[in-house]
Amino acid sequence: MTLAIDAVITLVTATVLIGIGALTPAFDEDYDMPLGRHLSDAAPFFGGSVLLVASLVVTAFMVRSGSERRCRAGLVAATARLGCLVAGAVALVVYGTVTYGV
């Protein structure tokens, strides 16, 4: 169950990061930034999504191996990644609430 929830949340988060990276030029179009600047602003979002999906693939390979020890390590990695994603989302909501009010 942990792996299924982790996979869904990781893939949704990666998709959101890709969407933000793709929309970065639209966010900045009022400032007439050069194209190179848009790409450098969007790179962290694309890179973050690639790292998330890659870590999910590594975890899936760890769990599929026959060793009980590697399966346990994969579940721990999945739980840690899930905790990081949830903590990041909660921190973003709290920051937005504190900064901009309710």
C-alpha atoms as a PDB file:
ATOM      1  CA  MET A   1       0.000   0.000   0.000  1.00  0.00           C
ATOM      2  CA  THR A   2       2.852   2.375   0.846  1.00  0.00           C
ATOM      3  CA  LEU A   3       4.430   1.792  -2.555  1.00  0.00           C
ATOM      4  CA  ALA A   4       1.155   2.416  -4.404  1.00  0.00           C
ATOM      5  CA  ILE A   5       0.516   5.691  -2.566  1.00  0.00           C
ATOM      6  CA  ASP A   6       4.166   6.674  -3.035  1.00  0.00           C
ATOM      7  CA  ALA A   7       4.011   5.950  -6.769  1.00  0.00           C
ATOM      8  CA  VAL A   8       0.838   7.982  -7.280  1.00  0.00           C
ATOM      9  CA  ILE A   9       2.026  10.977  -5.250  1.00  0.00           C
ATOM     10  CA  THR A  10       5.489  10.913  -6.834  1.00  0.00           C
ATOM     11  CA  LEU A  11       4.079  10.800 -10.367  1.00  0.00           C
ATOM     12  CA  VAL A  12       1.542  13.557  -9.637  1.00  0.00           C
ATOM     13  CA  THR A  13       4.274  15.724  -8.104  1.00  0.00           C
ATOM     14  CA  ALA A  14       6.566  15.125 -11.080  1.00  0.00           C
ATOM     15  CA  THR A  15       3.732  16.052 -13.455  1.00  0.00           C
ATOM     16  CA  VAL A  16       3.071  19.268 -11.524  1.00  0.00           C
ATOM     17  CA  LEU A  17       6.778  20.151 -11.649  1.00  0.00           C
ATOM     18  CA  ILE A  18       6.829  19.559 -15.414  1.00  0.00           C
ATOM     19  CA  GLY A  19       3.732  21.751 -15.779  1.00  0.00           C
ATOM     20  CA  ILE A  20       5.299  24.566 -13.763  1.00  0.00           C
ATOM     21  CA  GLY A  21       8.481  24.315 -15.831  1.00  0.00           C
ATOM     22  CA  ALA A  22       6.463  24.439 -19.055  1.00  0.00           C
ATOM     23  CA  LEU A  23       4.438  27.453 -17.842  1.00  0.00           C
ATOM     24  CA  THR A  24       7.420  29.430 -16.540  1.00  0.00           C
ATOM     25  CA  PRO A  25       7.669  31.514 -19.750  1.00  0.00           C
ATOM     26  CA  ALA A  26       3.993  32.459 -19.379  1.00  0.00           C
ATOM     27  CA  PHE A  27       4.586  33.510 -15.752  1.00  0.00           C
ATOM     28  CA  ASP A  28       7.467  35.751 -16.797  1.00  0.00           C
ATOM     29  CA  GLU A  29       6.151  37.088 -20.119  1.00  0.00           C
ATOM     30  CA  ASP A  30       5.313  40.481 -18.617  1.00  0.00           C
ATOM     31  CA  TYR A  31       8.981  41.046 -17.855  1.00  0.00           C
ATOM     32  CA  ASP A  32      10.288  40.495 -21.427  1.00  0.00           C
ATOM     33  CA  MET A  33      12.952  38.036 -20.343  1.00  0.00           C
ATOM     34  CA  PRO A  34      15.164  36.460 -23.014  1.00  0.00           C
ATOM     35  CA  LEU A  35      14.514  32.800 -23.898  1.00  0.00           C
ATOM     36  CA  GLY A  36      17.742  31.606 -22.269  1.00  0.00           C
ATOM     37  CA  ARG A  37      16.591  33.030 -18.963  1.00  0.00           C
ATOM     38  CA  HIS A  38      13.288  31.123 -19.212  1.00  0.00           C
ATOM     39  CA  LEU A  39      15.127  27.860 -19.732  1.00  0.00           C
ATOM     40  CA  SER A  40      17.395  28.455 -16.748  1.00  0.00           C
ATOM     41  CA  ASP A  41      14.367  29.289 -14.586  1.00  0.00           C
ATOM     42  CA  ALA A  42      12.505  26.157 -15.717  1.00  0.00           C
ATOM     43  CA  ALA A  43      15.472  23.762 -15.416  1.00  0.00           C
ATOM     44  CA  PRO A  44      15.059  23.104 -11.648  1.00  0.00           C
ATOM     45  CA  PHE A  45      11.448  22.027 -12.168  1.00  0.00           C
ATOM     46  CA  PHE A  46      12.313  19.652 -15.005  1.00  0.00           C
ATOM     47  CA  GLY A  47      15.342  18.339 -13.101  1.00  0.00           C
ATOM     48  CA  GLY A  48      13.292  17.810  -9.952  1.00  0.00           C
ATOM     49  CA  SER A  49      10.679  15.819 -11.837  1.00  0.00           C
ATOM     50  CA  VAL A  50      13.350  13.623 -13.446  1.00  0.00           C
ATOM     51  CA  LEU A  51      14.981  12.961 -10.059  1.00  0.00           C
ATOM     52  CA  LEU A  52      11.637  12.042  -8.491  1.00  0.00           C
ATOM     53  CA  VAL A  53      10.742   9.584 -11.227  1.00  0.00           C
ATOM     54  CA  ALA A  54      14.270   8.117 -11.205  1.00  0.00           C
ATOM     55  CA  SER A  55      14.116   7.596  -7.438  1.00  0.00           C
ATOM     56  CA  LEU A  56      10.747   5.898  -7.837  1.00  0.00           C
ATOM     57  CA  VAL A  57      12.197   3.538 -10.464  1.00  0.00           C
ATOM     58  CA  VAL A  58      15.139   2.680  -8.188  1.00  0.00           C
ATOM     59  CA  THR A  59      12.744   1.953  -5.319  1.00  0.00           C
ATOM     60  CA  ALA A  60      10.617  -0.263  -7.557  1.00  0.00           C
ATOM     61  CA  PHE A  61      13.695  -2.284  -8.570  1.00  0.00           C
ATOM     62  CA  MET A  62      14.725  -2.613  -4.914  1.00  0.00           C
ATOM     63  CA  VAL A  63      11.314  -3.962  -3.954  1.00  0.00           C
ATOM     64  CA  ARG A  64      11.109  -6.384  -6.889  1.00  0.00           C
ATOM     65  CA  SER A  65      14.343  -8.115  -5.950  1.00  0.00           C
ATOM     66  CA  GLY A  66      13.907 -11.349  -4.028  1.00  0.00           C
ATOM     67  CA  SER A  67      15.861 -10.288  -0.954  1.00  0.00           C
ATOM     68  CA  GLU A  68      13.760  -9.467   2.106  1.00  0.00           C
ATOM     69  CA  ARG A  69      16.375  -6.956   3.224  1.00  0.00           C
ATOM     70  CA  ARG A  70      16.244  -5.051  -0.082  1.00  0.00           C
ATOM     71  CA  CYS A  71      12.431  -5.070  -0.018  1.00  0.00           C
ATOM     72  CA  ARG A  72      12.470  -3.555   3.457  1.00  0.00           C
ATOM     73  CA  ALA A  73      15.004  -0.938   2.331  1.00  0.00           C
ATOM     74  CA  GLY A  74      12.782  -0.098  -0.647  1.00  0.00           C
ATOM     75  CA  LEU A  75       9.770   0.388   1.619  1.00  0.00           C
ATOM     76  CA  VAL A  76      11.799   2.613   3.934  1.00  0.00           C
ATOM     77  CA  ALA A  77      12.982   4.672   0.934  1.00  0.00           C
ATOM     78  CA  ALA A  78       9.408   4.947  -0.354  1.00  0.00           C
ATOM     79  CA  THR A  79       8.131   6.036   3.059  1.00  0.00           C
ATOM     80  CA  ALA A  80      10.916   8.621   3.395  1.00  0.00           C
ATOM     81  CA  ARG A  81      10.221  10.036  -0.090  1.00  0.00           C
ATOM     82  CA  LEU A  82       6.496  10.123   0.651  1.00  0.00           C
ATOM     83  CA  GLY A  83       7.201  11.983   3.896  1.00  0.00           C
ATOM     84  CA  CYS A  84       9.417  14.514   2.091  1.00  0.00           C
ATOM     85  CA  LEU A  85       6.780  15.172  -0.561  1.00  0.00           C
ATOM     86  CA  VAL A  86       4.001  15.605   2.007  1.00  0.00           C
ATOM     87  CA  ALA A  87       6.201  17.819   4.219  1.00  0.00           C
ATOM     88  CA  GLY A  88       7.079  19.983   1.208  1.00  0.00           C
ATOM     89  CA  ALA A  89       3.420  20.370   0.268  1.00  0.00           C
ATOM     90  CA  VAL A  90       2.425  21.242   3.837  1.00  0.00           C
ATOM     91  CA  ALA A  91       5.299  23.751   4.105  1.00  0.00           C
ATOM     92  CA  LEU A  92       4.176  25.416   0.860  1.00  0.00           C
ATOM     93  CA  VAL A  93       0.590  25.725   2.110  1.00  0.00           C
ATOM     94  CA  VAL A  94       1.705  27.073   5.492  1.00  0.00           C
ATOM     95  CA  TYR A  95       4.080  29.553   3.824  1.00  0.00           C
ATOM     96  CA  GLY A  96       1.324  30.780   1.496  1.00  0.00           C
ATOM     97  CA  THR A  97      -1.131  31.108   4.373  1.00  0.00           C
ATOM     98  CA  VAL A  98       1.289  32.984   6.612  1.00  0.00           C
ATOM     99  CA  THR A  99       2.598  35.223   3.826  1.00  0.00           C
ATOM    100  CA  TYR A 100      -0.629  36.075   2.019  1.00  0.00           C
ATOM    101  CA  GLY A 101      -3.238  35.411   4.700  1.00  0.00           C
ATOM    102  CA  VAL A 102      -6.315  33.279   4.486  1.00  0.00           C
END
